[in-house]
Amino acid sequence: MTSSLDESFERIWTIAESLHLPELVRGTTHGTPSLKVKTSFIGRMKDWETFAIHCPLEEKPLLMESVPNIYFETDHYKGWPYILMHLEAVSDAELGHRIKLAWHARAPAKVKKALAAG
């Protein structure tokens, strides 16, 4: 199962790297591969086909209603600013967009300033 998680995460990491966001790093969260900005968690593999990513609570219902084949949540994520994505259904462009939004939401001000200056 770990190799499947790692293989699925490689796609996410490749897309994340292509965004050239400062201080975006690979990590491990709850035993699964994750993305962080510095030490702030922005997303992690839930299982080999599902990625949990930071998402403002007010956006979750709209995403789940408008694109239910991609976005969903389980009871565990209700009330938390994270949404689940079916990796086989999400395009690289949409995945990159969500990573960028999560990075902007979680990055410290100094890191955001570095991006703006760069």
N, C-alpha and C. Protein backbone atom coordinates (compact mmCIF):
# COMPACT_ATOMS: atom_id res chain seq x y z
N MET A 1 0.83 -1.20 0.00
CA MET A 1 0.00 0.00 0.00
C MET A 1 0.87 1.26 0.00
N THR A 2 1.98 1.25 0.71
CA THR A 2 2.84 2.42 0.77
C THR A 2 3.34 2.80 -0.61
N SER A 3 3.75 1.80 -1.41
CA SER A 3 4.24 2.14 -2.75
C SER A 3 3.13 2.75 -3.59
N SER A 4 1.90 2.30 -3.44
CA SER A 4 0.78 2.89 -4.16
C SER A 4 0.57 4.34 -3.74
N LEU A 5 0.67 4.61 -2.43
CA LEU A 5 0.56 5.97 -1.92
C LEU A 5 1.66 6.84 -2.51
N ASP A 6 2.88 6.32 -2.49
CA ASP A 6 4.01 7.07 -3.01
C ASP A 6 3.87 7.34 -4.50
N GLU A 7 3.41 6.34 -5.24
CA GLU A 7 3.21 6.50 -6.68
C GLU A 7 2.14 7.56 -6.96
N SER A 8 1.05 7.52 -6.24
CA SER A 8 -0.02 8.51 -6.41
C SER A 8 0.47 9.90 -6.03
N PHE A 9 1.28 9.97 -4.98
CA PHE A 9 1.78 11.26 -4.52
C PHE A 9 2.76 11.88 -5.51
N GLU A 10 3.46 11.05 -6.27
CA GLU A 10 4.42 11.58 -7.24
C GLU A 10 3.75 12.55 -8.22
N ARG A 11 2.55 12.21 -8.66
CA ARG A 11 1.81 13.13 -9.55
C ARG A 11 1.57 14.47 -8.85
N ILE A 12 1.13 14.41 -7.61
CA ILE A 12 0.86 15.63 -6.85
C ILE A 12 2.14 16.45 -6.69
N TRP A 13 3.23 15.78 -6.32
CA TRP A 13 4.49 16.48 -6.11
C TRP A 13 5.01 17.10 -7.41
N THR A 14 4.89 16.40 -8.52
CA THR A 14 5.33 16.94 -9.81
C THR A 14 4.57 18.21 -10.15
N ILE A 15 3.26 18.19 -9.95
CA ILE A 15 2.44 19.38 -10.21
C ILE A 15 2.81 20.49 -9.23
N ALA A 16 2.95 20.16 -7.97
CA ALA A 16 3.30 21.16 -6.94
C ALA A 16 4.62 21.83 -7.26
N GLU A 17 5.62 21.03 -7.63
CA GLU A 17 6.94 21.58 -7.96
C GLU A 17 6.87 22.54 -9.14
N SER A 18 6.03 22.22 -10.12
CA SER A 18 5.93 23.06 -11.32
C SER A 18 5.36 24.44 -11.03
N LEU A 19 4.75 24.61 -9.86
CA LEU A 19 4.15 25.90 -9.47
C LEU A 19 5.20 26.88 -8.94
N HIS A 20 6.38 26.36 -8.57
CA HIS A 20 7.49 27.18 -8.06
C HIS A 20 7.07 28.04 -6.87
N LEU A 21 6.37 27.43 -5.93
CA LEU A 21 5.93 28.14 -4.72
C LEU A 21 7.02 28.04 -3.66
N PRO A 22 7.47 29.16 -3.09
CA PRO A 22 8.53 29.13 -2.09
C PRO A 22 8.16 28.27 -0.87
N GLU A 23 9.17 27.57 -0.38
CA GLU A 23 9.05 26.79 0.87
C GLU A 23 8.04 25.65 0.81
N LEU A 24 7.62 25.25 -0.39
CA LEU A 24 6.73 24.10 -0.52
C LEU A 24 7.59 22.85 -0.41
N VAL A 25 7.25 22.00 0.55
CA VAL A 25 8.06 20.81 0.80
C VAL A 25 7.20 19.57 0.90
N ARG A 26 7.87 18.42 0.65
CA ARG A 26 7.25 17.11 0.88
C ARG A 26 7.40 16.79 2.35
N GLY A 27 6.43 16.09 2.85
CA GLY A 27 6.51 15.65 4.24
C GLY A 27 5.71 14.38 4.43
N THR A 28 5.52 14.04 5.68
CA THR A 28 4.67 12.91 6.05
C THR A 28 3.73 13.40 7.14
N THR A 29 2.45 13.13 6.98
CA THR A 29 1.46 13.52 7.97
C THR A 29 0.56 12.32 8.21
N HIS A 30 0.41 11.93 9.46
CA HIS A 30 -0.38 10.75 9.83
C HIS A 30 0.07 9.52 9.03
N GLY A 31 1.37 9.43 8.77
CA GLY A 31 1.94 8.26 8.11
C GLY A 31 1.79 8.23 6.60
N THR A 32 1.28 9.31 6.01
CA THR A 32 1.13 9.33 4.55
C THR A 32 1.86 10.53 3.96
N PRO A 33 2.24 10.47 2.68
CA PRO A 33 2.92 11.59 2.04
C PRO A 33 2.05 12.84 2.09
N SER A 34 2.71 14.00 2.30
CA SER A 34 1.96 15.25 2.41
C SER A 34 2.72 16.42 1.80
N LEU A 35 1.99 17.50 1.60
CA LEU A 35 2.56 18.78 1.17
C LEU A 35 2.49 19.75 2.33
N LYS A 36 3.56 20.52 2.49
CA LYS A 36 3.60 21.54 3.53
C LYS A 36 4.23 22.79 2.95
N VAL A 37 3.87 23.93 3.52
CA VAL A 37 4.58 25.16 3.23
C VAL A 37 5.32 25.47 4.54
N LYS A 38 6.65 25.38 4.47
CA LYS A 38 7.50 25.37 5.65
C LYS A 38 7.03 24.20 6.52
N THR A 39 6.43 24.49 7.68
CA THR A 39 5.94 23.40 8.53
C THR A 39 4.41 23.32 8.56
N SER A 40 3.73 24.22 7.84
CA SER A 40 2.27 24.24 7.83
C SER A 40 1.72 23.23 6.83
N PHE A 41 0.89 22.35 7.32
CA PHE A 41 0.27 21.29 6.52
C PHE A 41 -0.73 21.89 5.55
N ILE A 42 -0.64 21.49 4.26
CA ILE A 42 -1.66 21.94 3.30
C ILE A 42 -2.42 20.79 2.65
N GLY A 43 -1.85 19.59 2.64
CA GLY A 43 -2.57 18.46 2.07
C GLY A 43 -1.82 17.16 2.26
N ARG A 44 -2.58 16.05 2.22
CA ARG A 44 -1.95 14.74 2.39
C ARG A 44 -2.75 13.66 1.68
N MET A 45 -2.07 12.57 1.41
CA MET A 45 -2.74 11.40 0.85
C MET A 45 -3.60 10.77 1.95
N LYS A 46 -4.87 10.56 1.66
CA LYS A 46 -5.73 9.83 2.59
C LYS A 46 -5.58 8.34 2.32
N ASP A 47 -5.59 8.01 1.03
CA ASP A 47 -5.31 6.65 0.56
C ASP A 47 -4.77 6.81 -0.85
N TRP A 48 -4.50 5.73 -1.54
CA TRP A 48 -3.81 5.83 -2.83
C TRP A 48 -4.60 6.57 -3.90
N GLU A 49 -5.93 6.72 -3.71
CA GLU A 49 -6.75 7.40 -4.71
C GLU A 49 -7.40 8.69 -4.22
N THR A 50 -7.08 9.10 -2.99
CA THR A 50 -7.73 10.26 -2.40
C THR A 50 -6.71 11.20 -1.77
N PHE A 51 -6.83 12.50 -2.10
CA PHE A 51 -5.96 13.53 -1.53
C PHE A 51 -6.83 14.49 -0.73
N ALA A 52 -6.43 14.76 0.50
CA ALA A 52 -7.11 15.74 1.36
C ALA A 52 -6.31 17.03 1.28
N ILE A 53 -6.97 18.14 0.94
CA ILE A 53 -6.28 19.41 0.77
C ILE A 53 -7.02 20.53 1.48
N HIS A 54 -6.25 21.50 1.97
CA HIS A 54 -6.85 22.65 2.66
C HIS A 54 -7.85 23.34 1.75
N CYS A 55 -8.99 23.69 2.32
CA CYS A 55 -10.06 24.36 1.58
C CYS A 55 -10.90 25.14 2.60
N PRO A 56 -11.13 26.42 2.38
CA PRO A 56 -11.96 27.18 3.32
C PRO A 56 -13.33 26.51 3.50
N LEU A 57 -13.80 26.51 4.73
CA LEU A 57 -15.08 25.85 5.03
C LEU A 57 -16.22 26.36 4.16
N GLU A 58 -16.22 27.65 3.85
CA GLU A 58 -17.33 28.21 3.06
C GLU A 58 -17.30 27.75 1.60
N GLU A 59 -16.16 27.27 1.12
CA GLU A 59 -16.06 26.79 -0.27
C GLU A 59 -16.46 25.32 -0.43
N LYS A 60 -16.34 24.55 0.64
CA LYS A 60 -16.57 23.11 0.54
C LYS A 60 -17.93 22.74 -0.05
N PRO A 61 -19.04 23.28 0.47
CA PRO A 61 -20.35 22.87 -0.07
C PRO A 61 -20.48 23.16 -1.57
N LEU A 62 -19.99 24.31 -2.01
CA LEU A 62 -20.08 24.67 -3.42
C LEU A 62 -19.29 23.69 -4.29
N LEU A 63 -18.07 23.36 -3.87
CA LEU A 63 -17.25 22.42 -4.64
C LEU A 63 -17.90 21.04 -4.70
N MET A 64 -18.38 20.56 -3.56
CA MET A 64 -19.00 19.23 -3.52
C MET A 64 -20.28 19.17 -4.33
N GLU A 65 -21.01 20.27 -4.37
CA GLU A 65 -22.26 20.31 -5.12
C GLU A 65 -22.00 20.46 -6.62
N SER A 66 -21.05 21.32 -6.98
CA SER A 66 -20.83 21.61 -8.40
C SER A 66 -19.98 20.54 -9.10
N VAL A 67 -19.07 19.88 -8.39
CA VAL A 67 -18.22 18.86 -9.01
C VAL A 67 -18.12 17.63 -8.07
N PRO A 68 -19.25 16.92 -7.88
CA PRO A 68 -19.26 15.81 -6.92
C PRO A 68 -18.40 14.61 -7.34
N ASN A 69 -18.05 14.53 -8.62
CA ASN A 69 -17.19 13.42 -9.03
C ASN A 69 -15.74 13.64 -8.60
N ILE A 70 -15.39 14.87 -8.25
CA ILE A 70 -14.03 15.17 -7.77
C ILE A 70 -14.01 15.40 -6.26
N TYR A 71 -14.88 16.28 -5.78
CA TYR A 71 -14.82 16.74 -4.38
C TYR A 71 -15.86 16.07 -3.50
N PHE A 72 -15.42 15.68 -2.31
CA PHE A 72 -16.32 15.06 -1.35
C PHE A 72 -15.71 15.17 0.05
N GLU A 73 -16.46 14.73 1.04
CA GLU A 73 -15.92 14.66 2.40
C GLU A 73 -16.50 13.45 3.11
N THR A 74 -15.79 13.02 4.12
CA THR A 74 -16.29 11.96 4.99
C THR A 74 -16.60 12.62 6.34
N ASP A 75 -17.24 11.90 7.22
CA ASP A 75 -17.58 12.45 8.53
C ASP A 75 -16.34 13.00 9.24
N HIS A 76 -15.21 12.35 9.07
CA HIS A 76 -13.97 12.78 9.72
C HIS A 76 -13.59 14.21 9.36
N TYR A 77 -13.90 14.64 8.14
CA TYR A 77 -13.50 15.96 7.66
C TYR A 77 -14.58 17.03 7.80
N LYS A 78 -15.78 16.65 8.25
CA LYS A 78 -16.84 17.63 8.45
C LYS A 78 -16.41 18.65 9.52
N GLY A 79 -16.58 19.92 9.20
CA GLY A 79 -16.22 20.97 10.15
C GLY A 79 -14.76 21.37 10.12
N TRP A 80 -13.97 20.73 9.29
CA TRP A 80 -12.53 21.06 9.17
C TRP A 80 -12.27 21.67 7.80
N PRO A 81 -11.30 22.57 7.70
CA PRO A 81 -11.04 23.24 6.42
C PRO A 81 -10.21 22.39 5.45
N TYR A 82 -10.68 21.18 5.20
CA TYR A 82 -10.03 20.27 4.25
C TYR A 82 -11.11 19.59 3.44
N ILE A 83 -10.82 19.38 2.16
CA ILE A 83 -11.76 18.69 1.28
C ILE A 83 -11.02 17.51 0.65
N LEU A 84 -11.75 16.46 0.35
CA LEU A 84 -11.17 15.28 -0.28
C LEU A 84 -11.36 15.36 -1.79
N MET A 85 -10.37 14.86 -2.52
CA MET A 85 -10.42 14.84 -3.98
C MET A 85 -10.17 13.43 -4.49
N HIS A 86 -10.99 12.99 -5.44
CA HIS A 86 -10.74 11.74 -6.15
C HIS A 86 -9.64 12.03 -7.18
N LEU A 87 -8.46 11.47 -6.99
CA LEU A 87 -7.34 11.79 -7.87
C LEU A 87 -7.55 11.37 -9.31
N GLU A 88 -8.27 10.26 -9.54
CA GLU A 88 -8.45 9.83 -10.93
C GLU A 88 -9.39 10.77 -11.69
N ALA A 89 -10.19 11.56 -10.97
CA ALA A 89 -11.17 12.44 -11.62
C ALA A 89 -10.68 13.88 -11.80
N VAL A 90 -9.66 14.27 -11.05
CA VAL A 90 -9.21 15.66 -11.09
C VAL A 90 -8.12 15.86 -12.14
N SER A 91 -8.23 16.94 -12.91
CA SER A 91 -7.22 17.25 -13.92
C SER A 91 -5.97 17.83 -13.24
N ASP A 92 -4.86 17.78 -13.96
CA ASP A 92 -3.64 18.37 -13.44
C ASP A 92 -3.82 19.86 -13.19
N ALA A 93 -4.54 20.54 -14.09
CA ALA A 93 -4.76 21.98 -13.94
C ALA A 93 -5.55 22.29 -12.67
N GLU A 94 -6.61 21.53 -12.43
CA GLU A 94 -7.43 21.74 -11.23
C GLU A 94 -6.64 21.40 -9.97
N LEU A 95 -5.87 20.34 -10.01
CA LEU A 95 -5.05 19.96 -8.87
C LEU A 95 -4.03 21.06 -8.58
N GLY A 96 -3.40 21.59 -9.60
CA GLY A 96 -2.45 22.69 -9.40
C GLY A 96 -3.13 23.92 -8.82
N HIS A 97 -4.33 24.22 -9.30
CA HIS A 97 -5.10 25.36 -8.79
C HIS A 97 -5.38 25.20 -7.30
N ARG A 98 -5.81 24.01 -6.90
CA ARG A 98 -6.12 23.76 -5.48
C ARG A 98 -4.86 23.82 -4.63
N ILE A 99 -3.74 23.32 -5.14
CA ILE A 99 -2.47 23.39 -4.39
C ILE A 99 -2.07 24.85 -4.19
N LYS A 100 -2.20 25.65 -5.25
CA LYS A 100 -1.85 27.07 -5.16
C LYS A 100 -2.74 27.79 -4.14
N LEU A 101 -4.04 27.52 -4.19
CA LEU A 101 -4.96 28.14 -3.23
C LEU A 101 -4.62 27.73 -1.79
N ALA A 102 -4.33 26.45 -1.60
CA ALA A 102 -3.98 25.97 -0.26
C ALA A 102 -2.68 26.59 0.22
N TRP A 103 -1.71 26.71 -0.69
CA TRP A 103 -0.43 27.34 -0.33
C TRP A 103 -0.67 28.78 0.13
N HIS A 104 -1.45 29.54 -0.64
CA HIS A 104 -1.72 30.94 -0.28
C HIS A 104 -2.45 31.05 1.06
N ALA A 105 -3.32 30.09 1.35
CA ALA A 105 -4.08 30.12 2.61
C ALA A 105 -3.19 29.80 3.81
N ARG A 106 -2.17 28.97 3.63
CA ARG A 106 -1.38 28.48 4.76
C ARG A 106 0.02 29.08 4.87
N ALA A 107 0.51 29.72 3.82
CA ALA A 107 1.88 30.24 3.84
C ALA A 107 2.00 31.43 4.80
N PRO A 108 3.10 31.47 5.55
CA PRO A 108 3.35 32.64 6.40
C PRO A 108 3.54 33.90 5.54
N ALA A 109 3.25 35.06 6.10
CA ALA A 109 3.33 36.34 5.37
C ALA A 109 4.70 36.55 4.73
N LYS A 110 5.77 36.22 5.44
CA LYS A 110 7.13 36.41 4.90
C LYS A 110 7.35 35.57 3.64
N VAL A 111 6.80 34.38 3.63
CA VAL A 111 6.96 33.49 2.48
C VAL A 111 6.14 34.02 1.30
N LYS A 112 4.93 34.50 1.57
CA LYS A 112 4.11 35.10 0.51
C LYS A 112 4.81 36.32 -0.08
N LYS A 113 5.45 37.10 0.79
CA LYS A 113 6.17 38.29 0.35
C LYS A 113 7.32 37.90 -0.58
N ALA A 114 7.99 36.80 -0.27
CA ALA A 114 9.09 36.31 -1.11
C ALA A 114 8.59 35.95 -2.50
N LEU A 115 7.39 35.36 -2.58
CA LEU A 115 6.80 35.01 -3.86
C LEU A 115 6.49 36.28 -4.66
N ALA A 116 5.91 37.26 -3.99
CA ALA A 116 5.55 38.52 -4.65
C ALA A 116 6.80 39.26 -5.16
N ALA A 117 7.88 39.17 -4.39
CA ALA A 117 9.13 39.85 -4.77
C ALA A 117 9.86 39.12 -5.88
N GLY A 118 9.68 37.78 -5.92
CA GLY A 118 10.41 36.95 -6.87
C GLY A 118 9.90 37.05 -8.25
